[in-house]
Amino acid sequence: MAASNPMNPWHLWKQSFGAWEQATATYMEQVMSNPAVLGPAGAMLTAAMKTKAATDRAIATWWSAVGLPTRRDQERSLHKLNQLESRLLDLEEQLADARAAR
């Protein structure tokens, strides 16, 4: 009823937003496909990723120098715990089967 009224403020806002979004999407698609934008953007992304990798390595080195486990150490430990838990559950199932077979 009120939503189909073209003078409804919500309806007008939705139409305006749709028109803005369509125009913006078209413009951004053209800008982002321009090689003059892609080259520097790719270089910036590469530099940011290299910086992050170097920062992560420095933090891991410092963390292990302090004597605390690094994220990789923690993940390795959690993986081993998962393996042990899985083996323990398998043994419990085998034991239950052996007891039921008696």
PDB file of N, CA and C in Angstrom:
ATOM      1  N   MET A   1       0.814  -1.167   0.000  1.00  0.00           N
ATOM      2  CA  MET A   1       0.000   0.000   0.000  1.00  0.00           C
ATOM      3  C   MET A   1       0.876   1.255   0.000  1.00  0.00           C
ATOM      4  N   ALA A   2       1.437   1.587   1.171  1.00  0.00           N
ATOM      5  CA  ALA A   2       2.257   2.795   1.265  1.00  0.00           C
ATOM      6  C   ALA A   2       3.605   2.599   0.569  1.00  0.00           C
ATOM      7  N   ALA A   3       4.102   1.346   0.502  1.00  0.00           N
ATOM      8  CA  ALA A   3       5.409   1.087  -0.103  1.00  0.00           C
ATOM      9  C   ALA A   3       5.373   1.280  -1.615  1.00  0.00           C
ATOM     10  N   SER A   4       4.214   1.106  -2.246  1.00  0.00           N
ATOM     11  CA  SER A   4       4.130   1.259  -3.698  1.00  0.00           C
ATOM     12  C   SER A   4       3.937   2.718  -4.117  1.00  0.00           C
ATOM     13  N   ASN A   5       3.666   3.583  -3.162  1.00  0.00           N
ATOM     14  CA  ASN A   5       3.479   5.009  -3.435  1.00  0.00           C
ATOM     15  C   ASN A   5       4.809   5.621  -3.848  1.00  0.00           C
ATOM     16  N   PRO A   6       4.912   6.219  -5.077  1.00  0.00           N
ATOM     17  CA  PRO A   6       6.192   6.773  -5.525  1.00  0.00           C
ATOM     18  C   PRO A   6       6.655   7.974  -4.697  1.00  0.00           C
ATOM     19  N   MET A   7       5.787   8.566  -3.906  1.00  0.00           N
ATOM     20  CA  MET A   7       6.170   9.708  -3.082  1.00  0.00           C
ATOM     21  C   MET A   7       6.624   9.282  -1.684  1.00  0.00           C
ATOM     22  N   ASN A   8       6.592   7.993  -1.421  1.00  0.00           N
ATOM     23  CA  ASN A   8       7.036   7.457  -0.133  1.00  0.00           C
ATOM     24  C   ASN A   8       8.529   7.756   0.017  1.00  0.00           C
ATOM     25  N   PRO A   9       8.965   8.356   1.137  1.00  0.00           N
ATOM     26  CA  PRO A   9      10.390   8.688   1.310  1.00  0.00           C
ATOM     27  C   PRO A   9      11.309   7.462   1.193  1.00  0.00           C
ATOM     28  N   TRP A  10      10.886   6.337   1.727  1.00  0.00           N
ATOM     29  CA  TRP A  10      11.703   5.129   1.657  1.00  0.00           C
ATOM     30  C   TRP A  10      11.864   4.681   0.202  1.00  0.00           C
ATOM     31  N   HIS A  11      10.794   4.720  -0.540  1.00  0.00           N
ATOM     32  CA  HIS A  11      10.816   4.345  -1.962  1.00  0.00           C
ATOM     33  C   HIS A  11      11.740   5.289  -2.743  1.00  0.00           C
ATOM     34  N   LEU A  12      11.647   6.574  -2.476  1.00  0.00           N
ATOM     35  CA  LEU A  12      12.514   7.558  -3.149  1.00  0.00           C
ATOM     36  C   LEU A  12      13.981   7.322  -2.789  1.00  0.00           C
ATOM     37  N   TRP A  13      14.226   7.039  -1.517  1.00  0.00           N
ATOM     38  CA  TRP A  13      15.610   6.791  -1.091  1.00  0.00           C
ATOM     39  C   TRP A  13      16.162   5.546  -1.780  1.00  0.00           C
ATOM     40  N   LYS A  14      15.375   4.481  -1.833  1.00  0.00           N
ATOM     41  CA  LYS A  14      15.821   3.246  -2.491  1.00  0.00           C
ATOM     42  C   LYS A  14      16.118   3.479  -3.960  1.00  0.00           C
ATOM     43  N   GLN A  15      15.268   4.249  -4.645  1.00  0.00           N
ATOM     44  CA  GLN A  15      15.509   4.546  -6.059  1.00  0.00           C
ATOM     45  C   GLN A  15      16.783   5.366  -6.227  1.00  0.00           C
ATOM     46  N   SER A  16      16.954   6.358  -5.382  1.00  0.00           N
ATOM     47  CA  SER A  16      18.156   7.201  -5.452  1.00  0.00           C
ATOM     48  C   SER A  16      19.409   6.386  -5.191  1.00  0.00           C
ATOM     49  N   PHE A  17      19.355   5.547  -4.177  1.00  0.00           N
ATOM     50  CA  PHE A  17      20.514   4.715  -3.850  1.00  0.00           C
ATOM     51  C   PHE A  17      20.824   3.761  -4.997  1.00  0.00           C
ATOM     52  N   GLY A  18      19.802   3.167  -5.590  1.00  0.00           N
ATOM     53  CA  GLY A  18      20.010   2.249  -6.716  1.00  0.00           C
ATOM     54  C   GLY A  18      20.682   2.951  -7.881  1.00  0.00           C
ATOM     55  N   ALA A  19      20.234   4.173  -8.186  1.00  0.00           N
ATOM     56  CA  ALA A  19      20.847   4.930  -9.286  1.00  0.00           C
ATOM     57  C   ALA A  19      22.295   5.284  -8.954  1.00  0.00           C
ATOM     58  N   TRP A  20      22.537   5.724  -7.723  1.00  0.00           N
ATOM     59  CA  TRP A  20      23.911   6.067  -7.315  1.00  0.00           C
ATOM     60  C   TRP A  20      24.812   4.839  -7.369  1.00  0.00           C
ATOM     61  N   GLU A  21      24.313   3.719  -6.852  1.00  0.00           N
ATOM     62  CA  GLU A  21      25.116   2.492  -6.813  1.00  0.00           C
ATOM     63  C   GLU A  21      25.458   2.020  -8.216  1.00  0.00           C
ATOM     64  N   GLN A  22      24.524   2.092  -9.133  1.00  0.00           N
ATOM     65  CA  GLN A  22      24.765   1.666 -10.520  1.00  0.00           C
ATOM     66  C   GLN A  22      25.817   2.551 -11.181  1.00  0.00           C
ATOM     67  N   ALA A  23      25.685   3.877 -11.008  1.00  0.00           N
ATOM     68  CA  ALA A  23      26.657   4.805 -11.605  1.00  0.00           C
ATOM     69  C   ALA A  23      28.033   4.611 -10.992  1.00  0.00           C
ATOM     70  N   THR A  24      28.087   4.422  -9.687  1.00  0.00           N
ATOM     71  CA  THR A  24      29.366   4.232  -8.999  1.00  0.00           C
ATOM     72  C   THR A  24      30.019   2.928  -9.425  1.00  0.00           C
ATOM     73  N   ALA A  25      29.244   1.862  -9.527  1.00  0.00           N
ATOM     74  CA  ALA A  25      29.787   0.563  -9.930  1.00  0.00           C
ATOM     75  C   ALA A  25      30.366   0.633 -11.338  1.00  0.00           C
ATOM     76  N   THR A  26      29.667   1.298 -12.245  1.00  0.00           N
ATOM     77  CA  THR A  26      30.154   1.435 -13.625  1.00  0.00           C
ATOM     78  C   THR A  26      31.467   2.216 -13.640  1.00  0.00           C
ATOM     79  N   TYR A  27      31.507   3.317 -12.914  1.00  0.00           N
ATOM     80  CA  TYR A  27      32.714   4.148 -12.863  1.00  0.00           C
ATOM     81  C   TYR A  27      33.877   3.373 -12.241  1.00  0.00           C
ATOM     82  N   MET A  28      33.648   2.709 -11.117  1.00  0.00           N
ATOM     83  CA  MET A  28      34.720   1.981 -10.430  1.00  0.00           C
ATOM     84  C   MET A  28      35.230   0.823 -11.281  1.00  0.00           C
ATOM     85  N   GLU A  29      34.350   0.193 -12.048  1.00  0.00           N
ATOM     86  CA  GLU A  29      34.787  -0.890 -12.929  1.00  0.00           C
ATOM     87  C   GLU A  29      35.750  -0.351 -13.983  1.00  0.00           C
ATOM     88  N   GLN A  30      35.446   0.809 -14.529  1.00  0.00           N
ATOM     89  CA  GLN A  30      36.338   1.425 -15.516  1.00  0.00           C
ATOM     90  C   GLN A  30      37.668   1.828 -14.875  1.00  0.00           C
ATOM     91  N   VAL A  31      37.604   2.424 -13.708  1.00  0.00           N
ATOM     92  CA  VAL A  31      38.825   2.864 -13.022  1.00  0.00           C
ATOM     93  C   VAL A  31      39.696   1.665 -12.667  1.00  0.00           C
ATOM     94  N   MET A  32      39.091   0.617 -12.109  1.00  0.00           N
ATOM     95  CA  MET A  32      39.869  -0.529 -11.642  1.00  0.00           C
ATOM     96  C   MET A  32      40.403  -1.388 -12.789  1.00  0.00           C
ATOM     97  N   SER A  33      39.887  -1.232 -13.992  1.00  0.00           N
ATOM     98  CA  SER A  33      40.422  -1.991 -15.124  1.00  0.00           C
ATOM     99  C   SER A  33      41.474  -1.194 -15.887  1.00  0.00           C
ATOM    100  N   ASN A  34      41.743   0.020 -15.458  1.00  0.00           N
ATOM    101  CA  ASN A  34      42.737   0.881 -16.104  1.00  0.00           C
ATOM    102  C   ASN A  34      44.147   0.442 -15.677  1.00  0.00           C
ATOM    103  N   PRO A  35      45.035   0.140 -16.629  1.00  0.00           N
ATOM    104  CA  PRO A  35      46.388  -0.284 -16.280  1.00  0.00           C
ATOM    105  C   PRO A  35      47.157   0.757 -15.454  1.00  0.00           C
ATOM    106  N   ALA A  36      46.835   2.025 -15.613  1.00  0.00           N
ATOM    107  CA  ALA A  36      47.512   3.062 -14.831  1.00  0.00           C
ATOM    108  C   ALA A  36      47.148   2.969 -13.352  1.00  0.00           C
ATOM    109  N   VAL A  37      46.033   2.335 -13.048  1.00  0.00           N
ATOM    110  CA  VAL A  37      45.623   2.129 -11.653  1.00  0.00           C
ATOM    111  C   VAL A  37      46.089   0.758 -11.172  1.00  0.00           C
ATOM    112  N   LEU A  38      45.956  -0.247 -12.037  1.00  0.00           N
ATOM    113  CA  LEU A  38      46.284  -1.617 -11.640  1.00  0.00           C
ATOM    114  C   LEU A  38      47.758  -1.799 -11.290  1.00  0.00           C
ATOM    115  N   GLY A  39      48.648  -1.204 -12.077  1.00  0.00           N
ATOM    116  CA  GLY A  39      50.085  -1.365 -11.825  1.00  0.00           C
ATOM    117  C   GLY A  39      50.489  -0.864 -10.450  1.00  0.00           C
ATOM    118  N   PRO A  40      50.243   0.396 -10.138  1.00  0.00           N
ATOM    119  CA  PRO A  40      50.604   0.896  -8.810  1.00  0.00           C
ATOM    120  C   PRO A  40      49.852   0.197  -7.675  1.00  0.00           C
ATOM    121  N   ALA A  41      48.585  -0.148  -7.902  1.00  0.00           N
ATOM    122  CA  ALA A  41      47.826  -0.850  -6.864  1.00  0.00           C
ATOM    123  C   ALA A  41      48.445  -2.214  -6.579  1.00  0.00           C
ATOM    124  N   GLY A  42      48.861  -2.910  -7.635  1.00  0.00           N
ATOM    125  CA  GLY A  42      49.524  -4.202  -7.456  1.00  0.00           C
ATOM    126  C   GLY A  42      50.852  -4.055  -6.733  1.00  0.00           C
ATOM    127  N   ALA A  43      51.607  -3.012  -7.081  1.00  0.00           N
ATOM    128  CA  ALA A  43      52.887  -2.772  -6.416  1.00  0.00           C
ATOM    129  C   ALA A  43      52.678  -2.464  -4.935  1.00  0.00           C
ATOM    130  N   MET A  44      51.642  -1.675  -4.637  1.00  0.00           N
ATOM    131  CA  MET A  44      51.351  -1.354  -3.237  1.00  0.00           C
ATOM    132  C   MET A  44      50.940  -2.603  -2.467  1.00  0.00           C
ATOM    133  N   LEU A  45      50.131  -3.446  -3.085  1.00  0.00           N
ATOM    134  CA  LEU A  45      49.706  -4.677  -2.431  1.00  0.00           C
ATOM    135  C   LEU A  45      50.907  -5.593  -2.187  1.00  0.00           C
ATOM    136  N   THR A  46      51.784  -5.708  -3.161  1.00  0.00           N
ATOM    137  CA  THR A  46      52.984  -6.528  -3.005  1.00  0.00           C
ATOM    138  C   THR A  46      53.847  -6.004  -1.863  1.00  0.00           C
ATOM    139  N   ALA A  47      54.037  -4.691  -1.826  1.00  0.00           N
ATOM    140  CA  ALA A  47      54.839  -4.092  -0.756  1.00  0.00           C
ATOM    141  C   ALA A  47      54.189  -4.317   0.606  1.00  0.00           C
ATOM    142  N   ALA A  48      52.874  -4.178   0.670  1.00  0.00           N
ATOM    143  CA  ALA A  48      52.173  -4.389   1.938  1.00  0.00           C
ATOM    144  C   ALA A  48      52.308  -5.837   2.405  1.00  0.00           C
ATOM    145  N   MET A  49      52.201  -6.779   1.482  1.00  0.00           N
ATOM    146  CA  MET A  49      52.323  -8.190   1.852  1.00  0.00           C
ATOM    147  C   MET A  49      53.743  -8.536   2.291  1.00  0.00           C
ATOM    148  N   LYS A  50      54.736  -7.958   1.629  1.00  0.00           N
ATOM    149  CA  LYS A  50      56.125  -8.191   2.041  1.00  0.00           C
ATOM    150  C   LYS A  50      56.386  -7.603   3.420  1.00  0.00           C
ATOM    151  N   THR A  51      55.827  -6.417   3.666  1.00  0.00           N
ATOM    152  CA  THR A  51      55.982  -5.787   4.974  1.00  0.00           C
ATOM    153  C   THR A  51      55.325  -6.626   6.055  1.00  0.00           C
ATOM    154  N   LYS A  52      54.135  -7.139   5.769  1.00  0.00           N
ATOM    155  CA  LYS A  52      53.439  -7.974   6.750  1.00  0.00           C
ATOM    156  C   LYS A  52      54.231  -9.246   7.028  1.00  0.00           C
ATOM    157  N   ALA A  53      54.758  -9.870   5.991  1.00  0.00           N
ATOM    158  CA  ALA A  53      55.536 -11.095   6.172  1.00  0.00           C
ATOM    159  C   ALA A  53      56.776 -10.819   7.019  1.00  0.00           C
ATOM    160  N   ALA A  54      57.462  -9.714   6.737  1.00  0.00           N
ATOM    161  CA  ALA A  54      58.656  -9.369   7.515  1.00  0.00           C
ATOM    162  C   ALA A  54      58.287  -9.072   8.963  1.00  0.00           C
ATOM    163  N   THR A  55      57.183  -8.380   9.169  1.00  0.00           N
ATOM    164  CA  THR A  55      56.726  -8.083  10.532  1.00  0.00           C
ATOM    165  C   THR A  55      56.373  -9.362  11.271  1.00  0.00           C
ATOM    166  N   ASP A  56      55.665 -10.263  10.614  1.00  0.00           N
ATOM    167  CA  ASP A  56      55.303 -11.541  11.235  1.00  0.00           C
ATOM    168  C   ASP A  56      56.543 -12.333  11.620  1.00  0.00           C
ATOM    169  N   ARG A  57      57.548 -12.350  10.728  1.00  0.00           N
ATOM    170  CA  ARG A  57      58.792 -13.073  11.045  1.00  0.00           C
ATOM    171  C   ARG A  57      59.495 -12.430  12.237  1.00  0.00           C
ATOM    172  N   ALA A  58      59.550 -11.097  12.267  1.00  0.00           N
ATOM    173  CA  ALA A  58      60.222 -10.398  13.374  1.00  0.00           C
ATOM    174  C   ALA A  58      59.509 -10.667  14.695  1.00  0.00           C
ATOM    175  N   ILE A  59      58.194 -10.649  14.666  1.00  0.00           N
ATOM    176  CA  ILE A  59      57.437 -10.909  15.895  1.00  0.00           C
ATOM    177  C   ILE A  59      57.639 -12.337  16.361  1.00  0.00           C
ATOM    178  N   ALA A  60      57.626 -13.286  15.427  1.00  0.00           N
ATOM    179  CA  ALA A  60      57.838 -14.693  15.788  1.00  0.00           C
ATOM    180  C   ALA A  60      59.235 -14.894  16.363  1.00  0.00           C
ATOM    181  N   THR A  61      60.226 -14.243  15.761  1.00  0.00           N
ATOM    182  CA  THR A  61      61.599 -14.357  16.256  1.00  0.00           C
ATOM    183  C   THR A  61      61.703 -13.778  17.661  1.00  0.00           C
ATOM    184  N   TRP A  62      61.126 -12.601  17.869  1.00  0.00           N
ATOM    185  CA  TRP A  62      61.174 -11.974  19.183  1.00  0.00           C
ATOM    186  C   TRP A  62      60.444 -12.830  20.207  1.00  0.00           C
ATOM    187  N   TRP A  63      59.255 -13.331  19.824  1.00  0.00           N
ATOM    188  CA  TRP A  63      58.441 -14.132  20.729  1.00  0.00           C
ATOM    189  C   TRP A  63      59.201 -15.384  21.156  1.00  0.00           C
ATOM    190  N   SER A  64      59.853 -16.053  20.211  1.00  0.00           N
ATOM    191  CA  SER A  64      60.597 -17.273  20.557  1.00  0.00           C
ATOM    192  C   SER A  64      61.866 -16.934  21.338  1.00  0.00           C
ATOM    193  N   ALA A  65      62.454 -15.755  21.093  1.00  0.00           N
ATOM    194  CA  ALA A  65      63.640 -15.345  21.856  1.00  0.00           C
ATOM    195  C   ALA A  65      63.287 -15.117  23.322  1.00  0.00           C
ATOM    196  N   VAL A  66      62.075 -14.683  23.564  1.00  0.00           N
ATOM    197  CA  VAL A  66      61.612 -14.475  24.942  1.00  0.00           C
ATOM    198  C   VAL A  66      61.344 -15.820  25.610  1.00  0.00           C
ATOM    199  N   GLY A  67      61.200 -16.860  24.795  1.00  0.00           N
ATOM    200  CA  GLY A  67      60.978 -18.194  25.331  1.00  0.00           C
ATOM    201  C   GLY A  67      59.525 -18.620  25.306  1.00  0.00           C
ATOM    202  N   LEU A  68      58.702 -17.886  24.614  1.00  0.00           N
ATOM    203  CA  LEU A  68      57.287 -18.232  24.520  1.00  0.00           C
ATOM    204  C   LEU A  68      57.005 -18.899  23.177  1.00  0.00           C
ATOM    205  N   PRO A  69      55.999 -19.766  23.134  1.00  0.00           N
ATOM    206  CA  PRO A  69      55.693 -20.437  21.865  1.00  0.00           C
ATOM    207  C   PRO A  69      55.110 -19.450  20.850  1.00  0.00           C
ATOM    208  N   THR A  70      55.556 -19.600  19.623  1.00  0.00           N
ATOM    209  CA  THR A  70      55.025 -18.762  18.541  1.00  0.00           C
ATOM    210  C   THR A  70      53.686 -19.332  18.089  1.00  0.00           C
ATOM    211  N   ARG A  71      53.031 -18.606  17.217  1.00  0.00           N
ATOM    212  CA  ARG A  71      51.754 -19.076  16.688  1.00  0.00           C
ATOM    213  C   ARG A  71      51.925 -20.421  15.987  1.00  0.00           C
ATOM    214  N   ARG A  72      53.013 -20.545  15.252  1.00  0.00           N
ATOM    215  CA  ARG A  72      53.274 -21.804  14.546  1.00  0.00           C
ATOM    216  C   ARG A  72      53.485 -22.947  15.542  1.00  0.00           C
ATOM    217  N   ASP A  73      54.210 -22.669  16.623  1.00  0.00           N
ATOM    218  CA  ASP A  73      54.409 -23.682  17.664  1.00  0.00           C
ATOM    219  C   ASP A  73      53.071 -24.100  18.276  1.00  0.00           C
ATOM    220  N   GLN A  74      52.229 -23.110  18.543  1.00  0.00           N
ATOM    221  CA  GLN A  74      50.917 -23.391  19.132  1.00  0.00           C
ATOM    222  C   GLN A  74      50.064 -24.214  18.172  1.00  0.00           C
ATOM    223  N   GLU A  75      50.087 -23.867  16.886  1.00  0.00           N
ATOM    224  CA  GLU A  75      49.307 -24.625  15.902  1.00  0.00           C
ATOM    225  C   GLU A  75      49.808 -26.058  15.798  1.00  0.00           C
ATOM    226  N   ARG A  76      51.134 -26.222  15.837  1.00  0.00           N
ATOM    227  CA  ARG A  76      51.718 -27.562  15.775  1.00  0.00           C
ATOM    228  C   ARG A  76      51.280 -28.383  16.995  1.00  0.00           C
ATOM    229  N   SER A  77      51.301 -27.752  18.167  1.00  0.00           N
ATOM    230  CA  SER A  77      50.887 -28.438  19.393  1.00  0.00           C
ATOM    231  C   SER A  77      49.410 -28.816  19.341  1.00  0.00           C
ATOM    232  N   LEU A  78      48.586 -27.904  18.870  1.00  0.00           N
ATOM    233  CA  LEU A  78      47.157 -28.201  18.760  1.00  0.00           C
ATOM    234  C   LEU A  78      46.901 -29.337  17.774  1.00  0.00           C
ATOM    235  N   HIS A  79      47.682 -29.375  16.693  1.00  0.00           N
ATOM    236  CA  HIS A  79      47.528 -30.461  15.726  1.00  0.00           C
ATOM    237  C   HIS A  79      47.875 -31.798  16.378  1.00  0.00           C
ATOM    238  N   LYS A  80      48.967 -31.817  17.126  1.00  0.00           N
ATOM    239  CA  LYS A  80      49.368 -33.058  17.817  1.00  0.00           C
ATOM    240  C   LYS A  80      48.302 -33.476  18.827  1.00  0.00           C
ATOM    241  N   LEU A  81      47.743 -32.510  19.565  1.00  0.00           N
ATOM    242  CA  LEU A  81      46.680 -32.820  20.516  1.00  0.00           C
ATOM    243  C   LEU A  81      45.459 -33.398  19.800  1.00  0.00           C
ATOM    244  N   ASN A  82      45.145 -32.838  18.657  1.00  0.00           N
ATOM    245  CA  ASN A  82      44.026 -33.360  17.862  1.00  0.00           C
ATOM    246  C   ASN A  82      44.281 -34.798  17.440  1.00  0.00           C
ATOM    247  N   GLN A  83      45.504 -35.067  17.005  1.00  0.00           N
ATOM    248  CA  GLN A  83      45.847 -36.433  16.606  1.00  0.00           C
ATOM    249  C   GLN A  83      45.728 -37.388  17.788  1.00  0.00           C
ATOM    250  N   LEU A  84      46.232 -36.967  18.942  1.00  0.00           N
ATOM    251  CA  LEU A  84      46.145 -37.819  20.129  1.00  0.00           C
ATOM    252  C   LEU A  84      44.695 -38.061  20.535  1.00  0.00           C
ATOM    253  N   GLU A  85      43.884 -37.023  20.481  1.00  0.00           N
ATOM    254  CA  GLU A  85      42.475 -37.175  20.831  1.00  0.00           C
ATOM    255  C   GLU A  85      41.785 -38.140  19.876  1.00  0.00           C
ATOM    256  N   SER A  86      42.102 -38.040  18.599  1.00  0.00           N
ATOM    257  CA  SER A  86      41.506 -38.931  17.611  1.00  0.00           C
ATOM    258  C   SER A  86      41.912 -40.380  17.873  1.00  0.00           C
ATOM    259  N   ARG A  87      43.189 -40.589  18.162  1.00  0.00           N
ATOM    260  CA  ARG A  87      43.662 -41.950  18.459  1.00  0.00           C
ATOM    261  C   ARG A  87      43.022 -42.491  19.729  1.00  0.00           C
ATOM    262  N   LEU A  88      42.880 -41.627  20.733  1.00  0.00           N
ATOM    263  CA  LEU A  88      42.257 -42.042  21.986  1.00  0.00           C
ATOM    264  C   LEU A  88      40.801 -42.448  21.759  1.00  0.00           C
ATOM    265  N   LEU A  89      40.081 -41.670  20.962  1.00  0.00           N
ATOM    266  CA  LEU A  89      38.691 -42.022  20.653  1.00  0.00           C
ATOM    267  C   LEU A  89      38.614 -43.348  19.900  1.00  0.00           C
ATOM    268  N   ASP A  90      39.548 -43.562  18.973  1.00  0.00           N
ATOM    269  CA  ASP A  90      39.580 -44.838  18.243  1.00  0.00           C
ATOM    270  C   ASP A  90      39.826 -46.003  19.199  1.00  0.00           C
ATOM    271  N   LEU A  91      40.766 -45.826  20.140  1.00  0.00           N
ATOM    272  CA  LEU A  91      41.047 -46.894  21.102  1.00  0.00           C
ATOM    273  C   LEU A  91      39.848 -47.151  22.005  1.00  0.00           C
ATOM    274  N   GLU A  92      39.156 -46.088  22.402  1.00  0.00           N
ATOM    275  CA  GLU A  92      37.963 -46.259  23.245  1.00  0.00           C
ATOM    276  C   GLU A  92      36.889 -47.037  22.490  1.00  0.00           C
ATOM    277  N   GLU A  93      36.727 -46.754  21.199  1.00  0.00           N
ATOM    278  CA  GLU A  93      35.754 -47.491  20.397  1.00  0.00           C
ATOM    279  C   GLU A  93      36.152 -48.955  20.270  1.00  0.00           C
ATOM    280  N   GLN A  94      37.444 -49.214  20.052  1.00  0.00           N
ATOM    281  CA  GLN A  94      37.913 -50.592  19.938  1.00  0.00           C
ATOM    282  C   GLN A  94      37.702 -51.336  21.254  1.00  0.00           C
ATOM    283  N   LEU A  95      37.954 -50.652  22.368  1.00  0.00           N
ATOM    284  CA  LEU A  95      37.762 -51.270  23.675  1.00  0.00           C
ATOM    285  C   LEU A  95      36.279 -51.572  23.912  1.00  0.00           C
ATOM    286  N   ALA A  96      35.431 -50.653  23.541  1.00  0.00           N
ATOM    287  CA  ALA A  96      33.985 -50.875  23.700  1.00  0.00           C
ATOM    288  C   ALA A  96      33.532 -52.045  22.822  1.00  0.00           C
ATOM    289  N   ASP A  97      34.050 -52.130  21.597  1.00  0.00           N
ATOM    290  CA  ASP A  97      33.703 -53.251  20.728  1.00  0.00           C
ATOM    291  C   ASP A  97      34.198 -54.565  21.307  1.00  0.00           C
ATOM    292  N   ALA A  98      35.418 -54.560  21.856  1.00  0.00           N
ATOM    293  CA  ALA A  98      35.984 -55.792  22.424  1.00  0.00           C
ATOM    294  C   ALA A  98      35.172 -56.226  23.650  1.00  0.00           C
ATOM    295  N   ARG A  99      34.740 -55.272  24.474  1.00  0.00           N
ATOM    296  CA  ARG A  99      33.929 -55.605  25.644  1.00  0.00           C
ATOM    297  C   ARG A  99      32.555 -56.128  25.224  1.00  0.00           C
ATOM    298  N   ALA A 100      32.004 -55.558  24.161  1.00  0.00           N
ATOM    299  CA  ALA A 100      30.686 -56.012  23.702  1.00  0.00           C
ATOM    300  C   ALA A 100      30.765 -57.400  23.083  1.00  0.00           C
ATOM    301  N   ALA A 101      31.925 -57.758  22.531  1.00  0.00           N
ATOM    302  CA  ALA A 101      32.082 -59.059  21.883  1.00  0.00           C
ATOM    303  C   ALA A 101      32.212 -60.184  22.911  1.00  0.00           C
ATOM    304  N   ARG A 102      32.514 -59.867  24.162  1.00  0.00           N
ATOM    305  CA  ARG A 102      32.688 -60.905  25.189  1.00  0.00           C
ATOM    306  C   ARG A 102      31.424 -61.600  25.504  1.00  0.00           C
TER     307      ARG A 102
END
